[in-house]
Amino acid sequence: MVKLIAIDLDGTLLNERNEISNTNLESIKDAQANGVEVVIATGRAHFDVQSIFQATGISTWIIGANGATIHQPNGELFYSTPIDKEDSSKIFSWLEQENFYYEILSNQSIFSPKNGRDLLAVEIDRIISANKEVSTDDLHEAVNKQFSQTGITFMDTYHDLTELDIDFYNVLAFSFHEEKLGKGWEHFKQFEGLSIVKSAHHNFELEHRNASKGNALKMLTNKLNIDISNTAAVGDNYNDLSMLQLAGKSAAMGNAPSEIKESCNEITLSNTEDGVAHFIYSFI
């Protein structure tokens, strides 16, 4: 019997317009009405998730920053595991040296370089120069999605943050160039204090080595006294694997990569076809 469901956001609960459909919203309400604890598990900041749900009348536990934070339905912080300060400085310095667009998720804001759009515009121009027939609609849409998040604060350089007494939970590095992303992945996978995951085609994300959606889910079930066998999880990407492999019942979205699908008990419909609702109604 499912007593808790963990739901990813991007590519899962959110459709191609980055919205939650009425069908998915109603399925969440129905799950809660049937006594199922609903948890949003995402790489996003908790305040960004709260903004998305603000007009829905729904409040849930939020596993944010890929498991580095857990917030209660009332918004209070229950748990966090920030990146070590020494590691965070090395991350920011290297990404700036390599001309990456990046985002730093803190307990206050999502910090982003002021020249971020310019950096990505240069990458898009290089792609067009190499292949004049390529469509840039998807590229511009990906850029706009990054800048549509709630809570972004622009900075000149990461040095602006050195005097602030805040924790950093997640760093997202974004690029349209596969070789550039690969270079970053190879560089940061050597850091013993970090975990590195992909949540979309054009990024990689860094957290404390103990931060994962799976670890956060385990901690939350202990808090709520729910056996892990009585949990369900649904997601679409590699940062979801830890919770999908842990949950008693797991579903990959129809739009998920084959490796994610192979790791799950079942495959639901895509995020454009209300796959979350389809999964929820299979067990409530």
C-alpha atoms as a PDB file:
ATOM      1  CA  MET A   1       0.000   0.000   0.000  1.00  0.00           C
ATOM      2  CA  VAL A   2       1.465   3.332  -1.060  1.00  0.00           C
ATOM      3  CA  LYS A   3       1.572   5.834   1.815  1.00  0.00           C
ATOM      4  CA  LEU A   4       3.965   8.352   0.257  1.00  0.00           C
ATOM      5  CA  ILE A   5       4.804   9.395  -3.302  1.00  0.00           C
ATOM      6  CA  ALA A   6       7.847  11.435  -4.339  1.00  0.00           C
ATOM      7  CA  ILE A   7       7.333  13.369  -7.575  1.00  0.00           C
ATOM      8  CA  ASP A   8       9.994  15.054  -9.683  1.00  0.00           C
ATOM      9  CA  LEU A   9       9.129  18.421 -11.256  1.00  0.00           C
ATOM     10  CA  ASP A  10      10.901  19.235 -14.542  1.00  0.00           C
ATOM     11  CA  GLY A  11      10.113  16.736 -17.268  1.00  0.00           C
ATOM     12  CA  THR A  12       7.758  14.929 -14.885  1.00  0.00           C
ATOM     13  CA  LEU A  13       5.042  16.958 -13.157  1.00  0.00           C
ATOM     14  CA  LEU A  14       5.645  20.015 -15.361  1.00  0.00           C
ATOM     15  CA  ASN A  15       4.522  19.770 -18.980  1.00  0.00           C
ATOM     16  CA  GLU A  16       6.184  21.207 -22.082  1.00  0.00           C
ATOM     17  CA  ARG A  17       4.966  24.697 -21.061  1.00  0.00           C
ATOM     18  CA  ASN A  18       6.520  24.258 -17.604  1.00  0.00           C
ATOM     19  CA  GLU A  19       3.048  24.152 -16.078  1.00  0.00           C
ATOM     20  CA  ILE A  20       1.188  21.642 -13.908  1.00  0.00           C
ATOM     21  CA  SER A  21      -1.887  20.446 -15.758  1.00  0.00           C
ATOM     22  CA  ASN A  22      -5.288  20.413 -14.076  1.00  0.00           C
ATOM     23  CA  THR A  23      -5.335  16.627 -14.381  1.00  0.00           C
ATOM     24  CA  ASN A  24      -2.041  16.309 -12.510  1.00  0.00           C
ATOM     25  CA  LEU A  25      -3.168  18.802  -9.862  1.00  0.00           C
ATOM     26  CA  GLU A  26      -6.395  16.899  -9.265  1.00  0.00           C
ATOM     27  CA  SER A  27      -4.494  13.621  -8.967  1.00  0.00           C
ATOM     28  CA  ILE A  28      -2.274  15.125  -6.255  1.00  0.00           C
ATOM     29  CA  LYS A  29      -5.326  16.391  -4.372  1.00  0.00           C
ATOM     30  CA  ASP A  30      -6.961  12.968  -4.708  1.00  0.00           C
ATOM     31  CA  ALA A  31      -3.810  11.261  -3.423  1.00  0.00           C
ATOM     32  CA  GLN A  32      -3.730  13.545  -0.380  1.00  0.00           C
ATOM     33  CA  ALA A  33      -7.443  12.984   0.188  1.00  0.00           C
ATOM     34  CA  ASN A  34      -6.718   9.247   0.231  1.00  0.00           C
ATOM     35  CA  GLY A  35      -4.072   9.677   2.923  1.00  0.00           C
ATOM     36  CA  VAL A  36      -1.004   9.567   0.679  1.00  0.00           C
ATOM     37  CA  GLU A  37       1.812  11.916   1.694  1.00  0.00           C
ATOM     38  CA  VAL A  38       2.891  13.828  -1.408  1.00  0.00           C
ATOM     39  CA  VAL A  39       6.516  14.962  -1.699  1.00  0.00           C
ATOM     40  CA  ILE A  40       7.940  17.139  -4.466  1.00  0.00           C
ATOM     41  CA  ALA A  41      11.531  16.038  -5.121  1.00  0.00           C
ATOM     42  CA  THR A  42      13.457  18.386  -7.385  1.00  0.00           C
ATOM     43  CA  GLY A  43      16.748  20.046  -8.159  1.00  0.00           C
ATOM     44  CA  ARG A  44      15.017  23.406  -7.774  1.00  0.00           C
ATOM     45  CA  ALA A  45      15.045  25.621  -4.708  1.00  0.00           C
ATOM     46  CA  HIS A  46      12.199  25.180  -2.238  1.00  0.00           C
ATOM     47  CA  PHE A  47      11.088  28.803  -2.708  1.00  0.00           C
ATOM     48  CA  ASP A  48      10.848  28.239  -6.460  1.00  0.00           C
ATOM     49  CA  VAL A  49       8.638  25.183  -5.833  1.00  0.00           C
ATOM     50  CA  GLN A  50       6.468  27.185  -3.426  1.00  0.00           C
ATOM     51  CA  SER A  51       5.992  29.814  -6.128  1.00  0.00           C
ATOM     52  CA  ILE A  52       4.864  27.180  -8.625  1.00  0.00           C
ATOM     53  CA  PHE A  53       2.277  25.788  -6.192  1.00  0.00           C
ATOM     54  CA  GLN A  54       1.223  29.135  -4.723  1.00  0.00           C
ATOM     55  CA  ALA A  55      -2.112  29.399  -6.533  1.00  0.00           C
ATOM     56  CA  THR A  56      -3.033  25.695  -6.316  1.00  0.00           C
ATOM     57  CA  GLY A  57      -4.013  25.407  -2.661  1.00  0.00           C
ATOM     58  CA  ILE A  58      -1.633  22.436  -2.377  1.00  0.00           C
ATOM     59  CA  SER A  59       1.172  22.233   0.184  1.00  0.00           C
ATOM     60  CA  THR A  60       3.621  19.342   0.349  1.00  0.00           C
ATOM     61  CA  TRP A  61       6.968  18.313   1.737  1.00  0.00           C
ATOM     62  CA  ILE A  62       9.698  19.553  -0.595  1.00  0.00           C
ATOM     63  CA  ILE A  63      12.955  17.745  -1.243  1.00  0.00           C
ATOM     64  CA  GLY A  64      14.957  20.508  -2.912  1.00  0.00           C
ATOM     65  CA  ALA A  65      18.420  20.957  -4.441  1.00  0.00           C
ATOM     66  CA  ASN A  66      18.498  17.269  -5.438  1.00  0.00           C
ATOM     67  CA  GLY A  67      18.205  16.187  -1.816  1.00  0.00           C
ATOM     68  CA  ALA A  68      20.394  18.791  -0.126  1.00  0.00           C
ATOM     69  CA  THR A  69      17.345  20.315   1.580  1.00  0.00           C
ATOM     70  CA  ILE A  70      14.032  19.080   2.964  1.00  0.00           C
ATOM     71  CA  HIS A  71      11.301  21.577   3.805  1.00  0.00           C
ATOM     72  CA  GLN A  72       8.080  20.887   5.659  1.00  0.00           C
ATOM     73  CA  PRO A  73       4.668  21.703   4.128  1.00  0.00           C
ATOM     74  CA  ASN A  74       4.596  24.900   6.244  1.00  0.00           C
ATOM     75  CA  GLY A  75       7.878  26.013   4.638  1.00  0.00           C
ATOM     76  CA  GLU A  76      10.149  25.397   7.619  1.00  0.00           C
ATOM     77  CA  LEU A  77      13.527  23.777   6.983  1.00  0.00           C
ATOM     78  CA  PHE A  78      13.671  20.218   8.320  1.00  0.00           C
ATOM     79  CA  TYR A  79      17.100  19.136   7.029  1.00  0.00           C
ATOM     80  CA  SER A  80      19.989  20.427   4.946  1.00  0.00           C
ATOM     81  CA  THR A  81      23.459  19.338   3.875  1.00  0.00           C
ATOM     82  CA  PRO A  82      25.322  22.240   2.243  1.00  0.00           C
ATOM     83  CA  ILE A  83      28.434  22.040   0.091  1.00  0.00           C
ATOM     84  CA  ASP A  84      31.647  22.525   2.064  1.00  0.00           C
ATOM     85  CA  LYS A  85      32.878  26.126   1.832  1.00  0.00           C
ATOM     86  CA  GLU A  86      36.273  25.102   0.485  1.00  0.00           C
ATOM     87  CA  ASP A  87      34.675  23.026  -2.270  1.00  0.00           C
ATOM     88  CA  SER A  88      32.186  25.760  -3.150  1.00  0.00           C
ATOM     89  CA  SER A  89      34.942  28.328  -3.720  1.00  0.00           C
ATOM     90  CA  LYS A  90      36.806  25.900  -5.978  1.00  0.00           C
ATOM     91  CA  ILE A  91      33.614  25.191  -7.927  1.00  0.00           C
ATOM     92  CA  PHE A  92      32.758  28.843  -8.522  1.00  0.00           C
ATOM     93  CA  SER A  93      36.320  29.767  -9.475  1.00  0.00           C
ATOM     94  CA  TRP A  94      36.697  26.945 -12.010  1.00  0.00           C
ATOM     95  CA  LEU A  95      33.309  27.551 -13.645  1.00  0.00           C
ATOM     96  CA  GLU A  96      34.040  31.251 -14.097  1.00  0.00           C
ATOM     97  CA  GLN A  97      37.489  30.519 -15.526  1.00  0.00           C
ATOM     98  CA  GLU A  98      35.896  28.136 -18.045  1.00  0.00           C
ATOM     99  CA  ASN A  99      33.174  30.651 -19.010  1.00  0.00           C
ATOM    100  CA  PHE A 100      30.289  28.484 -17.823  1.00  0.00           C
ATOM    101  CA  TYR A 101      26.833  29.822 -17.165  1.00  0.00           C
ATOM    102  CA  TYR A 102      26.077  28.599 -13.662  1.00  0.00           C
ATOM    103  CA  GLU A 103      23.573  28.975 -10.835  1.00  0.00           C
ATOM    104  CA  ILE A 104      24.213  28.754  -7.108  1.00  0.00           C
ATOM    105  CA  LEU A 105      21.286  27.643  -5.009  1.00  0.00           C
ATOM    106  CA  SER A 106      21.414  28.993  -1.460  1.00  0.00           C
ATOM    107  CA  ASN A 107      18.982  29.224   1.415  1.00  0.00           C
ATOM    108  CA  GLN A 108      18.141  32.755   0.258  1.00  0.00           C
ATOM    109  CA  SER A 109      18.438  33.045  -3.507  1.00  0.00           C
ATOM    110  CA  ILE A 110      19.577  31.519  -6.760  1.00  0.00           C
ATOM    111  CA  PHE A 111      22.743  33.442  -7.571  1.00  0.00           C
ATOM    112  CA  SER A 112      23.577  33.819 -11.251  1.00  0.00           C
ATOM    113  CA  PRO A 113      26.257  35.807 -13.119  1.00  0.00           C
ATOM    114  CA  LYS A 114      25.076  39.059 -14.708  1.00  0.00           C
ATOM    115  CA  ASN A 115      26.702  38.075 -17.981  1.00  0.00           C
ATOM    116  CA  GLY A 116      24.875  34.715 -18.052  1.00  0.00           C
ATOM    117  CA  ARG A 117      22.651  35.492 -21.032  1.00  0.00           C
ATOM    118  CA  ASP A 118      25.646  36.833 -22.941  1.00  0.00           C
ATOM    119  CA  LEU A 119      27.629  33.646 -22.280  1.00  0.00           C
ATOM    120  CA  LEU A 120      24.791  31.494 -23.586  1.00  0.00           C
ATOM    121  CA  ALA A 121      24.177  33.798 -26.558  1.00  0.00           C
ATOM    122  CA  VAL A 122      27.820  33.309 -27.599  1.00  0.00           C
ATOM    123  CA  GLU A 123      27.359  29.521 -27.415  1.00  0.00           C
ATOM    124  CA  ILE A 124      24.207  29.693 -29.545  1.00  0.00           C
ATOM    125  CA  ASP A 125      25.992  31.873 -32.120  1.00  0.00           C
ATOM    126  CA  ARG A 126      28.783  29.294 -32.358  1.00  0.00           C
ATOM    127  CA  ILE A 127      26.259  26.528 -32.936  1.00  0.00           C
ATOM    128  CA  ILE A 128      24.610  28.545 -35.729  1.00  0.00           C
ATOM    129  CA  SER A 129      27.999  29.294 -37.291  1.00  0.00           C
ATOM    130  CA  ALA A 130      28.816  25.592 -37.381  1.00  0.00           C
ATOM    131  CA  ASN A 131      25.418  24.628 -38.795  1.00  0.00           C
ATOM    132  CA  LYS A 132      23.327  27.404 -40.317  1.00  0.00           C
ATOM    133  CA  GLU A 133      20.322  25.098 -40.757  1.00  0.00           C
ATOM    134  CA  VAL A 134      20.007  24.256 -37.072  1.00  0.00           C
ATOM    135  CA  SER A 135      16.828  25.401 -35.333  1.00  0.00           C
ATOM    136  CA  THR A 136      17.558  27.535 -32.286  1.00  0.00           C
ATOM    137  CA  ASP A 137      14.008  27.530 -30.897  1.00  0.00           C
ATOM    138  CA  ASP A 138      14.786  24.733 -28.425  1.00  0.00           C
ATOM    139  CA  LEU A 139      18.018  26.446 -27.383  1.00  0.00           C
ATOM    140  CA  HIS A 140      16.305  29.750 -26.633  1.00  0.00           C
ATOM    141  CA  GLU A 141      13.520  27.903 -24.816  1.00  0.00           C
ATOM    142  CA  ALA A 142      16.113  26.186 -22.595  1.00  0.00           C
ATOM    143  CA  VAL A 143      17.695  29.561 -21.791  1.00  0.00           C
ATOM    144  CA  ASN A 144      14.342  31.153 -20.970  1.00  0.00           C
ATOM    145  CA  LYS A 145      13.482  28.254 -18.683  1.00  0.00           C
ATOM    146  CA  GLN A 146      16.606  28.863 -16.586  1.00  0.00           C
ATOM    147  CA  PHE A 147      15.793  32.546 -16.180  1.00  0.00           C
ATOM    148  CA  SER A 148      12.129  31.946 -15.363  1.00  0.00           C
ATOM    149  CA  GLN A 149      12.924  30.560 -11.913  1.00  0.00           C
ATOM    150  CA  THR A 150      11.778  32.434  -8.838  1.00  0.00           C
ATOM    151  CA  GLY A 151      14.438  33.993  -6.615  1.00  0.00           C
ATOM    152  CA  ILE A 152      17.284  34.719  -9.046  1.00  0.00           C
ATOM    153  CA  THR A 153      19.795  37.326  -7.848  1.00  0.00           C
ATOM    154  CA  PHE A 154      22.400  38.500 -10.340  1.00  0.00           C
ATOM    155  CA  MET A 155      26.042  38.995  -9.346  1.00  0.00           C
ATOM    156  CA  ASP A 156      29.157  40.349 -11.065  1.00  0.00           C
ATOM    157  CA  THR A 157      31.328  37.477  -9.839  1.00  0.00           C
ATOM    158  CA  TYR A 158      31.288  34.774  -7.172  1.00  0.00           C
ATOM    159  CA  HIS A 159      33.562  37.016  -5.094  1.00  0.00           C
ATOM    160  CA  ASP A 160      30.391  38.995  -4.302  1.00  0.00           C
ATOM    161  CA  LEU A 161      29.306  36.066  -2.129  1.00  0.00           C
ATOM    162  CA  THR A 162      32.450  35.553  -0.087  1.00  0.00           C
ATOM    163  CA  GLU A 163      31.388  37.924   2.700  1.00  0.00           C
ATOM    164  CA  LEU A 164      27.870  36.506   3.008  1.00  0.00           C
ATOM    165  CA  ASP A 165      27.070  34.090   5.836  1.00  0.00           C
ATOM    166  CA  ILE A 166      24.933  31.699   3.788  1.00  0.00           C
ATOM    167  CA  ASP A 167      24.928  28.038   2.831  1.00  0.00           C
ATOM    168  CA  PHE A 168      25.227  26.798  -0.743  1.00  0.00           C
ATOM    169  CA  TYR A 169      23.274  23.632  -1.497  1.00  0.00           C
ATOM    170  CA  ASN A 170      23.554  23.123  -5.237  1.00  0.00           C
ATOM    171  CA  VAL A 171      25.507  24.425  -8.210  1.00  0.00           C
ATOM    172  CA  LEU A 172      24.092  23.945 -11.700  1.00  0.00           C
ATOM    173  CA  ALA A 173      26.457  24.306 -14.657  1.00  0.00           C
ATOM    174  CA  PHE A 174      24.818  24.827 -18.058  1.00  0.00           C
ATOM    175  CA  SER A 175      26.202  24.672 -21.576  1.00  0.00           C
ATOM    176  CA  PHE A 176      25.061  23.776 -25.083  1.00  0.00           C
ATOM    177  CA  HIS A 177      28.496  22.293 -25.858  1.00  0.00           C
ATOM    178  CA  GLU A 178      28.873  18.593 -25.043  1.00  0.00           C
ATOM    179  CA  GLU A 179      32.674  18.771 -24.862  1.00  0.00           C
ATOM    180  CA  LYS A 180      32.486  21.628 -22.370  1.00  0.00           C
ATOM    181  CA  LEU A 181      30.036  19.706 -20.169  1.00  0.00           C
ATOM    182  CA  GLY A 182      32.221  16.608 -20.441  1.00  0.00           C
ATOM    183  CA  LYS A 183      35.281  18.564 -19.347  1.00  0.00           C
ATOM    184  CA  GLY A 184      33.387  19.841 -16.313  1.00  0.00           C
ATOM    185  CA  TRP A 185      32.109  16.384 -15.445  1.00  0.00           C
ATOM    186  CA  GLU A 186      35.616  14.903 -15.579  1.00  0.00           C
ATOM    187  CA  HIS A 187      36.990  17.741 -13.467  1.00  0.00           C
ATOM    188  CA  PHE A 188      34.418  17.609 -10.685  1.00  0.00           C
ATOM    189  CA  LYS A 189      33.993  13.858 -10.417  1.00  0.00           C
ATOM    190  CA  GLN A 190      37.432  13.840  -8.777  1.00  0.00           C
ATOM    191  CA  PHE A 191      36.142  15.871  -5.819  1.00  0.00           C
ATOM    192  CA  GLU A 192      35.573  13.455  -2.926  1.00  0.00           C
ATOM    193  CA  GLY A 193      33.248  15.848  -1.133  1.00  0.00           C
ATOM    194  CA  LEU A 194      30.841  16.250  -4.052  1.00  0.00           C
ATOM    195  CA  SER A 195      28.205  14.285  -5.893  1.00  0.00           C
ATOM    196  CA  ILE A 196      27.572  15.077  -9.558  1.00  0.00           C
ATOM    197  CA  VAL A 197      24.381  14.342 -11.498  1.00  0.00           C
ATOM    198  CA  LYS A 198      22.599  15.336 -14.690  1.00  0.00           C
ATOM    199  CA  SER A 199      19.026  16.617 -14.579  1.00  0.00           C
ATOM    200  CA  ALA A 200      18.762  17.644 -18.238  1.00  0.00           C
ATOM    201  CA  HIS A 201      20.652  17.310 -21.497  1.00  0.00           C
ATOM    202  CA  HIS A 202      22.515  20.616 -21.189  1.00  0.00           C
ATOM    203  CA  ASN A 203      23.680  20.552 -17.571  1.00  0.00           C
ATOM    204  CA  PHE A 204      25.342  18.880 -14.653  1.00  0.00           C
ATOM    205  CA  GLU A 205      24.676  19.620 -10.986  1.00  0.00           C
ATOM    206  CA  LEU A 206      26.902  19.501  -7.923  1.00  0.00           C
ATOM    207  CA  GLU A 207      25.907  18.874  -4.309  1.00  0.00           C
ATOM    208  CA  HIS A 208      27.454  17.593  -1.099  1.00  0.00           C
ATOM    209  CA  ARG A 209      28.408  13.926  -1.490  1.00  0.00           C
ATOM    210  CA  ASN A 210      25.641  12.867   0.930  1.00  0.00           C
ATOM    211  CA  ALA A 211      22.946  14.831  -0.900  1.00  0.00           C
ATOM    212  CA  SER A 212      20.642  12.825  -3.164  1.00  0.00           C
ATOM    213  CA  LYS A 213      16.933  12.473  -3.647  1.00  0.00           C
ATOM    214  CA  GLY A 214      17.209   8.883  -2.434  1.00  0.00           C
ATOM    215  CA  ASN A 215      18.959   9.816   0.820  1.00  0.00           C
ATOM    216  CA  ALA A 216      16.441  12.595   1.440  1.00  0.00           C
ATOM    217  CA  LEU A 217      13.549  10.231   0.774  1.00  0.00           C
ATOM    218  CA  LYS A 218      14.960   7.729   3.253  1.00  0.00           C
ATOM    219  CA  MET A 219      15.373  10.442   5.888  1.00  0.00           C
ATOM    220  CA  LEU A 220      11.831  11.683   5.325  1.00  0.00           C
ATOM    221  CA  THR A 221      10.262   8.234   5.570  1.00  0.00           C
ATOM    222  CA  ASN A 222      12.076   7.741   8.872  1.00  0.00           C
ATOM    223  CA  LYS A 223      10.673  11.052  10.083  1.00  0.00           C
ATOM    224  CA  LEU A 224       7.129  10.126   9.024  1.00  0.00           C
ATOM    225  CA  ASN A 225       7.461   6.514  10.197  1.00  0.00           C
ATOM    226  CA  ILE A 226       6.647   5.135   6.748  1.00  0.00           C
ATOM    227  CA  ASP A 227       8.278   1.917   5.583  1.00  0.00           C
ATOM    228  CA  ILE A 228      10.213   2.437   2.362  1.00  0.00           C
ATOM    229  CA  SER A 229       8.304  -0.464   0.802  1.00  0.00           C
ATOM    230  CA  ASN A 230       5.168   1.681   1.088  1.00  0.00           C
ATOM    231  CA  THR A 231       6.560   4.499  -1.023  1.00  0.00           C
ATOM    232  CA  ALA A 232       6.324   5.367  -4.698  1.00  0.00           C
ATOM    233  CA  ALA A 233       8.454   7.631  -6.862  1.00  0.00           C
ATOM    234  CA  VAL A 234       8.180   8.980 -10.392  1.00  0.00           C
ATOM    235  CA  GLY A 235      10.798  10.840 -12.426  1.00  0.00           C
ATOM    236  CA  ASP A 236      12.443  11.290 -15.789  1.00  0.00           C
ATOM    237  CA  ASN A 237      16.175  11.856 -15.383  1.00  0.00           C
ATOM    238  CA  TYR A 238      19.452  10.755 -13.821  1.00  0.00           C
ATOM    239  CA  ASN A 239      19.120  12.889 -10.688  1.00  0.00           C
ATOM    240  CA  ASP A 240      15.955  10.856  -9.956  1.00  0.00           C
ATOM    241  CA  LEU A 241      17.679   7.457 -10.046  1.00  0.00           C
ATOM    242  CA  SER A 242      18.532   7.287  -6.344  1.00  0.00           C
ATOM    243  CA  MET A 243      14.912   7.714  -5.263  1.00  0.00           C
ATOM    244  CA  LEU A 244      13.502   5.567  -8.071  1.00  0.00           C
ATOM    245  CA  GLN A 245      15.769   2.690  -7.078  1.00  0.00           C
ATOM    246  CA  LEU A 246      14.892   3.099  -3.401  1.00  0.00           C
ATOM    247  CA  ALA A 247      11.111   3.440  -3.538  1.00  0.00           C
ATOM    248  CA  GLY A 248       8.886   0.409  -3.187  1.00  0.00           C
ATOM    249  CA  LYS A 249       7.090   1.308  -6.423  1.00  0.00           C
ATOM    250  CA  SER A 250       8.736   3.328  -9.183  1.00  0.00           C
ATOM    251  CA  ALA A 251       7.689   4.731 -12.535  1.00  0.00           C
ATOM    252  CA  ALA A 252       9.738   6.326 -15.275  1.00  0.00           C
ATOM    253  CA  MET A 253       8.100   8.958 -17.421  1.00  0.00           C
ATOM    254  CA  GLY A 254       7.440   8.071 -21.036  1.00  0.00           C
ATOM    255  CA  ASN A 255       9.879  10.838 -22.004  1.00  0.00           C
ATOM    256  CA  ALA A 256      12.684   9.453 -19.802  1.00  0.00           C
ATOM    257  CA  PRO A 257      15.950   8.049 -21.217  1.00  0.00           C
ATOM    258  CA  SER A 258      16.082   4.269 -21.636  1.00  0.00           C
ATOM    259  CA  GLU A 259      18.462   3.844 -18.675  1.00  0.00           C
ATOM    260  CA  ILE A 260      15.893   5.442 -16.357  1.00  0.00           C
ATOM    261  CA  LYS A 261      13.099   3.307 -17.767  1.00  0.00           C
ATOM    262  CA  GLU A 262      15.134   0.152 -17.240  1.00  0.00           C
ATOM    263  CA  SER A 263      15.629   1.052 -13.563  1.00  0.00           C
ATOM    264  CA  CYS A 264      11.913   1.334 -12.770  1.00  0.00           C
ATOM    265  CA  ASN A 265       9.063  -1.086 -12.084  1.00  0.00           C
ATOM    266  CA  GLU A 266       6.931   0.512 -14.763  1.00  0.00           C
ATOM    267  CA  ILE A 267       6.743   3.224 -17.380  1.00  0.00           C
ATOM    268  CA  THR A 268       3.962   5.786 -17.261  1.00  0.00           C
ATOM    269  CA  LEU A 269       2.876   8.289 -19.907  1.00  0.00           C
ATOM    270  CA  SER A 270       5.015  11.311 -20.816  1.00  0.00           C
ATOM    271  CA  ASN A 271       4.956  14.683 -19.079  1.00  0.00           C
ATOM    272  CA  THR A 272       2.817  16.038 -21.927  1.00  0.00           C
ATOM    273  CA  GLU A 273       0.249  13.276 -21.367  1.00  0.00           C
ATOM    274  CA  ASP A 274      -0.318  13.639 -17.598  1.00  0.00           C
ATOM    275  CA  GLY A 275       1.976  10.735 -16.805  1.00  0.00           C
ATOM    276  CA  VAL A 276       2.035  11.610 -13.085  1.00  0.00           C
ATOM    277  CA  ALA A 277      -1.758  11.402 -12.817  1.00  0.00           C
ATOM    278  CA  HIS A 278      -1.741   8.140 -14.750  1.00  0.00           C
ATOM    279  CA  PHE A 279       0.719   6.696 -12.221  1.00  0.00           C
ATOM    280  CA  ILE A 280      -1.083   8.034  -9.140  1.00  0.00           C
ATOM    281  CA  TYR A 281      -4.448   6.657 -10.226  1.00  0.00           C
ATOM    282  CA  SER A 282      -2.873   3.234 -10.671  1.00  0.00           C
ATOM    283  CA  PHE A 283      -2.540   2.821  -6.895  1.00  0.00           C
ATOM    284  CA  ILE A 284      -4.950   5.106  -5.023  1.00  0.00           C
END
